[in-house]
Amino acid sequence: MFMATLGGIFKYKDLPEEMGPYVQFKATIEKREVKDDDEIAILDITGTTSHHVLFLDSYDNVDQIRDELKEADAKVNITTLKILEGHL
């Protein structure tokens, strides 16, 4: 199982350019139109060059995030969970 750590939380309009393709991919999967003020968390998957994107308004609690990451064979560290919880 991989470990996911927080790479950052951004408004879409402030997102680093290199993260754009990851966000667009996740938006396509969720059939979602990305808005400039969407709050997005980027999780770095340790030991890979991959990232996991979370549209924070899609979650009611951190358990939903844990479940999503479990499906991706990843778990999130406690510090990241505490930070994400403050943004939900």
N, C-alpha and C. Protein backbone atom coordinates (compact mmCIF):
# COMPACT_ATOMS: atom_id res chain seq x y z
N MET A 1 0.85 -1.18 0.00
CA MET A 1 0.00 0.00 0.00
C MET A 1 0.89 1.24 0.00
N PHE A 2 0.50 2.23 -0.78
CA PHE A 2 1.23 3.48 -0.89
C PHE A 2 0.78 4.48 0.17
N MET A 3 1.62 5.44 0.47
CA MET A 3 1.29 6.50 1.42
C MET A 3 1.02 7.78 0.65
N ALA A 4 -0.07 8.46 0.99
CA ALA A 4 -0.42 9.73 0.36
C ALA A 4 -0.16 10.85 1.36
N THR A 5 0.59 11.84 0.93
CA THR A 5 0.87 13.01 1.78
C THR A 5 0.41 14.27 1.05
N LEU A 6 0.06 15.26 1.81
CA LEU A 6 -0.47 16.48 1.23
C LEU A 6 0.62 17.25 0.48
N GLY A 7 0.37 17.49 -0.80
CA GLY A 7 1.27 18.30 -1.60
C GLY A 7 0.86 19.76 -1.56
N GLY A 8 -0.43 20.01 -1.34
CA GLY A 8 -0.93 21.37 -1.25
C GLY A 8 -2.43 21.44 -1.43
N ILE A 9 -2.99 22.54 -0.98
CA ILE A 9 -4.40 22.84 -1.20
C ILE A 9 -4.44 24.16 -1.94
N PHE A 10 -5.15 24.17 -3.06
CA PHE A 10 -5.15 25.33 -3.95
C PHE A 10 -6.56 25.63 -4.44
N LYS A 11 -6.82 26.89 -4.75
CA LYS A 11 -7.96 27.23 -5.60
C LYS A 11 -7.52 26.86 -7.01
N TYR A 12 -8.45 26.44 -7.84
CA TYR A 12 -8.08 26.02 -9.19
C TYR A 12 -7.30 27.11 -9.92
N LYS A 13 -7.72 28.37 -9.76
CA LYS A 13 -7.04 29.46 -10.46
C LYS A 13 -5.58 29.64 -10.01
N ASP A 14 -5.23 29.13 -8.81
CA ASP A 14 -3.88 29.27 -8.28
C ASP A 14 -3.06 27.98 -8.37
N LEU A 15 -3.64 26.98 -8.99
CA LEU A 15 -3.01 25.66 -9.09
C LEU A 15 -1.71 25.71 -9.89
N PRO A 16 -0.64 25.08 -9.41
CA PRO A 16 0.59 25.01 -10.21
C PRO A 16 0.30 24.36 -11.57
N GLU A 17 0.88 24.92 -12.59
CA GLU A 17 0.60 24.48 -13.97
C GLU A 17 0.80 22.98 -14.18
N GLU A 18 1.83 22.42 -13.55
CA GLU A 18 2.12 20.99 -13.75
C GLU A 18 1.05 20.07 -13.16
N MET A 19 0.18 20.61 -12.31
CA MET A 19 -0.90 19.80 -11.72
C MET A 19 -2.16 19.81 -12.57
N GLY A 20 -2.23 20.71 -13.54
CA GLY A 20 -3.41 20.86 -14.38
C GLY A 20 -3.90 19.56 -15.01
N PRO A 21 -3.02 18.75 -15.63
CA PRO A 21 -3.50 17.52 -16.25
C PRO A 21 -4.11 16.53 -15.24
N TYR A 22 -3.57 16.48 -14.03
CA TYR A 22 -4.14 15.59 -13.01
C TYR A 22 -5.54 16.05 -12.62
N VAL A 23 -5.71 17.36 -12.49
CA VAL A 23 -7.02 17.90 -12.11
C VAL A 23 -8.02 17.68 -13.24
N GLN A 24 -7.61 17.92 -14.47
CA GLN A 24 -8.52 17.72 -15.60
C GLN A 24 -8.92 16.25 -15.73
N PHE A 25 -7.99 15.35 -15.49
CA PHE A 25 -8.28 13.92 -15.54
C PHE A 25 -9.34 13.56 -14.50
N LYS A 26 -9.14 14.01 -13.26
CA LYS A 26 -10.10 13.72 -12.19
C LYS A 26 -11.45 14.35 -12.48
N ALA A 27 -11.46 15.56 -13.03
CA ALA A 27 -12.71 16.23 -13.38
C ALA A 27 -13.47 15.44 -14.44
N THR A 28 -12.75 14.89 -15.40
CA THR A 28 -13.37 14.09 -16.45
C THR A 28 -14.00 12.83 -15.85
N ILE A 29 -13.29 12.17 -14.96
CA ILE A 29 -13.82 10.97 -14.30
C ILE A 29 -15.09 11.29 -13.53
N GLU A 30 -15.10 12.43 -12.85
CA GLU A 30 -16.25 12.83 -12.04
C GLU A 30 -17.32 13.57 -12.84
N LYS A 31 -17.09 13.73 -14.15
CA LYS A 31 -18.01 14.48 -15.02
C LYS A 31 -18.32 15.84 -14.40
N ARG A 32 -17.26 16.55 -14.11
CA ARG A 32 -17.34 17.81 -13.38
C ARG A 32 -16.69 18.92 -14.20
N GLU A 33 -17.30 20.10 -14.15
CA GLU A 33 -16.68 21.27 -14.75
C GLU A 33 -15.92 22.00 -13.64
N VAL A 34 -14.65 22.23 -13.86
CA VAL A 34 -13.81 22.87 -12.85
C VAL A 34 -14.03 24.39 -12.89
N LYS A 35 -14.24 24.96 -11.70
CA LYS A 35 -14.41 26.41 -11.59
C LYS A 35 -13.18 27.01 -10.92
N ASP A 36 -12.91 28.27 -11.22
CA ASP A 36 -11.73 28.95 -10.68
C ASP A 36 -11.64 28.91 -9.17
N ASP A 37 -12.79 28.93 -8.48
CA ASP A 37 -12.77 28.98 -7.02
C ASP A 37 -12.90 27.61 -6.36
N ASP A 38 -12.88 26.52 -7.14
CA ASP A 38 -12.89 25.17 -6.57
C ASP A 38 -11.64 24.98 -5.71
N GLU A 39 -11.83 24.46 -4.50
CA GLU A 39 -10.70 24.16 -3.62
C GLU A 39 -10.28 22.72 -3.87
N ILE A 40 -9.01 22.55 -4.20
CA ILE A 40 -8.47 21.25 -4.64
C ILE A 40 -7.28 20.89 -3.78
N ALA A 41 -7.28 19.65 -3.28
CA ALA A 41 -6.12 19.13 -2.56
C ALA A 41 -5.36 18.21 -3.51
N ILE A 42 -4.06 18.36 -3.52
CA ILE A 42 -3.18 17.49 -4.30
C ILE A 42 -2.42 16.62 -3.30
N LEU A 43 -2.60 15.32 -3.42
CA LEU A 43 -1.87 14.38 -2.57
C LEU A 43 -0.75 13.76 -3.39
N ASP A 44 0.44 13.74 -2.83
CA ASP A 44 1.59 13.09 -3.48
C ASP A 44 1.62 11.64 -3.01
N ILE A 45 1.77 10.74 -3.95
CA ILE A 45 1.82 9.31 -3.63
C ILE A 45 3.29 8.93 -3.49
N THR A 46 3.68 8.64 -2.25
CA THR A 46 5.07 8.36 -1.92
C THR A 46 5.59 7.16 -2.71
N GLY A 47 6.82 7.29 -3.22
CA GLY A 47 7.44 6.22 -3.98
C GLY A 47 7.05 6.18 -5.44
N THR A 48 6.25 7.16 -5.87
CA THR A 48 5.83 7.24 -7.27
C THR A 48 5.96 8.70 -7.72
N THR A 49 5.70 8.92 -8.98
CA THR A 49 5.62 10.29 -9.50
C THR A 49 4.16 10.70 -9.66
N SER A 50 3.27 9.94 -9.05
CA SER A 50 1.84 10.15 -9.21
C SER A 50 1.26 11.05 -8.12
N HIS A 51 0.10 11.61 -8.43
CA HIS A 51 -0.62 12.48 -7.51
C HIS A 51 -2.08 12.05 -7.50
N HIS A 52 -2.75 12.32 -6.40
CA HIS A 52 -4.18 12.06 -6.30
C HIS A 52 -4.87 13.39 -6.04
N VAL A 53 -5.90 13.66 -6.81
CA VAL A 53 -6.61 14.94 -6.74
C VAL A 53 -7.91 14.76 -5.96
N LEU A 54 -8.17 15.71 -5.06
CA LEU A 54 -9.42 15.73 -4.30
C LEU A 54 -10.11 17.08 -4.50
N PHE A 55 -11.32 17.06 -5.05
CA PHE A 55 -12.14 18.27 -5.08
C PHE A 55 -12.82 18.31 -3.72
N LEU A 56 -12.38 19.19 -2.85
CA LEU A 56 -12.78 19.14 -1.45
C LEU A 56 -14.27 19.32 -1.21
N ASP A 57 -14.98 19.98 -2.11
CA ASP A 57 -16.43 20.13 -1.92
C ASP A 57 -17.20 18.84 -2.22
N SER A 58 -16.49 17.79 -2.65
CA SER A 58 -17.13 16.51 -2.94
C SER A 58 -17.21 15.59 -1.73
N TYR A 59 -16.63 16.01 -0.61
CA TYR A 59 -16.53 15.14 0.56
C TYR A 59 -17.20 15.78 1.77
N ASP A 60 -17.87 14.93 2.56
CA ASP A 60 -18.48 15.39 3.80
C ASP A 60 -17.58 15.15 5.00
N ASN A 61 -16.68 14.17 4.88
CA ASN A 61 -15.80 13.83 6.00
C ASN A 61 -14.56 13.10 5.49
N VAL A 62 -13.56 12.96 6.37
CA VAL A 62 -12.30 12.35 5.97
C VAL A 62 -12.43 10.85 5.71
N ASP A 63 -13.47 10.22 6.26
CA ASP A 63 -13.67 8.79 6.00
C ASP A 63 -13.93 8.53 4.52
N GLN A 64 -14.63 9.45 3.87
CA GLN A 64 -14.87 9.31 2.43
C GLN A 64 -13.55 9.40 1.66
N ILE A 65 -12.67 10.26 2.11
CA ILE A 65 -11.36 10.38 1.47
C ILE A 65 -10.56 9.11 1.70
N ARG A 66 -10.56 8.61 2.93
CA ARG A 66 -9.86 7.35 3.24
C ARG A 66 -10.35 6.22 2.34
N ASP A 67 -11.67 6.12 2.17
CA ASP A 67 -12.25 5.05 1.34
C ASP A 67 -11.80 5.18 -0.12
N GLU A 68 -11.79 6.40 -0.63
CA GLU A 68 -11.36 6.62 -2.02
C GLU A 68 -9.90 6.22 -2.20
N LEU A 69 -9.06 6.59 -1.25
CA LEU A 69 -7.64 6.25 -1.35
C LEU A 69 -7.41 4.75 -1.19
N LYS A 70 -8.21 4.11 -0.36
CA LYS A 70 -8.08 2.65 -0.18
C LYS A 70 -8.31 1.94 -1.52
N GLU A 71 -9.27 2.43 -2.30
CA GLU A 71 -9.54 1.86 -3.62
C GLU A 71 -8.34 2.05 -4.55
N ALA A 72 -7.53 3.07 -4.30
CA ALA A 72 -6.33 3.33 -5.11
C ALA A 72 -5.09 2.70 -4.48
N ASP A 73 -5.31 1.82 -3.49
CA ASP A 73 -4.21 1.14 -2.79
C ASP A 73 -3.28 2.13 -2.10
N ALA A 74 -3.88 3.14 -1.49
CA ALA A 74 -3.09 4.14 -0.77
C ALA A 74 -3.77 4.47 0.55
N LYS A 75 -2.97 4.91 1.49
CA LYS A 75 -3.55 5.43 2.73
C LYS A 75 -2.91 6.78 3.01
N VAL A 76 -3.64 7.58 3.74
CA VAL A 76 -3.22 8.96 3.97
C VAL A 76 -2.67 9.08 5.39
N ASN A 77 -1.62 9.89 5.54
CA ASN A 77 -1.03 10.03 6.88
C ASN A 77 -1.91 10.93 7.76
N ILE A 78 -1.69 10.82 9.07
CA ILE A 78 -2.52 11.51 10.06
C ILE A 78 -2.45 13.03 9.91
N THR A 79 -1.27 13.58 9.69
CA THR A 79 -1.12 15.03 9.55
C THR A 79 -1.95 15.54 8.38
N THR A 80 -1.88 14.83 7.25
CA THR A 80 -2.66 15.21 6.07
C THR A 80 -4.15 15.14 6.38
N LEU A 81 -4.59 14.09 7.06
CA LEU A 81 -6.01 13.97 7.41
C LEU A 81 -6.49 15.13 8.26
N LYS A 82 -5.69 15.52 9.23
CA LYS A 82 -6.07 16.64 10.11
C LYS A 82 -6.22 17.94 9.31
N ILE A 83 -5.29 18.18 8.40
CA ILE A 83 -5.36 19.39 7.57
C ILE A 83 -6.59 19.35 6.67
N LEU A 84 -6.81 18.20 6.01
CA LEU A 84 -7.96 18.07 5.12
C LEU A 84 -9.27 18.25 5.89
N GLU A 85 -9.33 17.69 7.08
CA GLU A 85 -10.53 17.80 7.91
C GLU A 85 -10.89 19.26 8.16
N GLY A 86 -9.88 20.10 8.33
CA GLY A 86 -10.12 21.52 8.54
C GLY A 86 -10.65 22.25 7.32
N HIS A 87 -10.56 21.61 6.15
CA HIS A 87 -11.02 22.24 4.90
C HIS A 87 -12.35 21.67 4.42
N LEU A 88 -12.88 20.69 5.13
CA LEU A 88 -14.16 20.10 4.71
C LEU A 88 -15.33 20.80 5.37
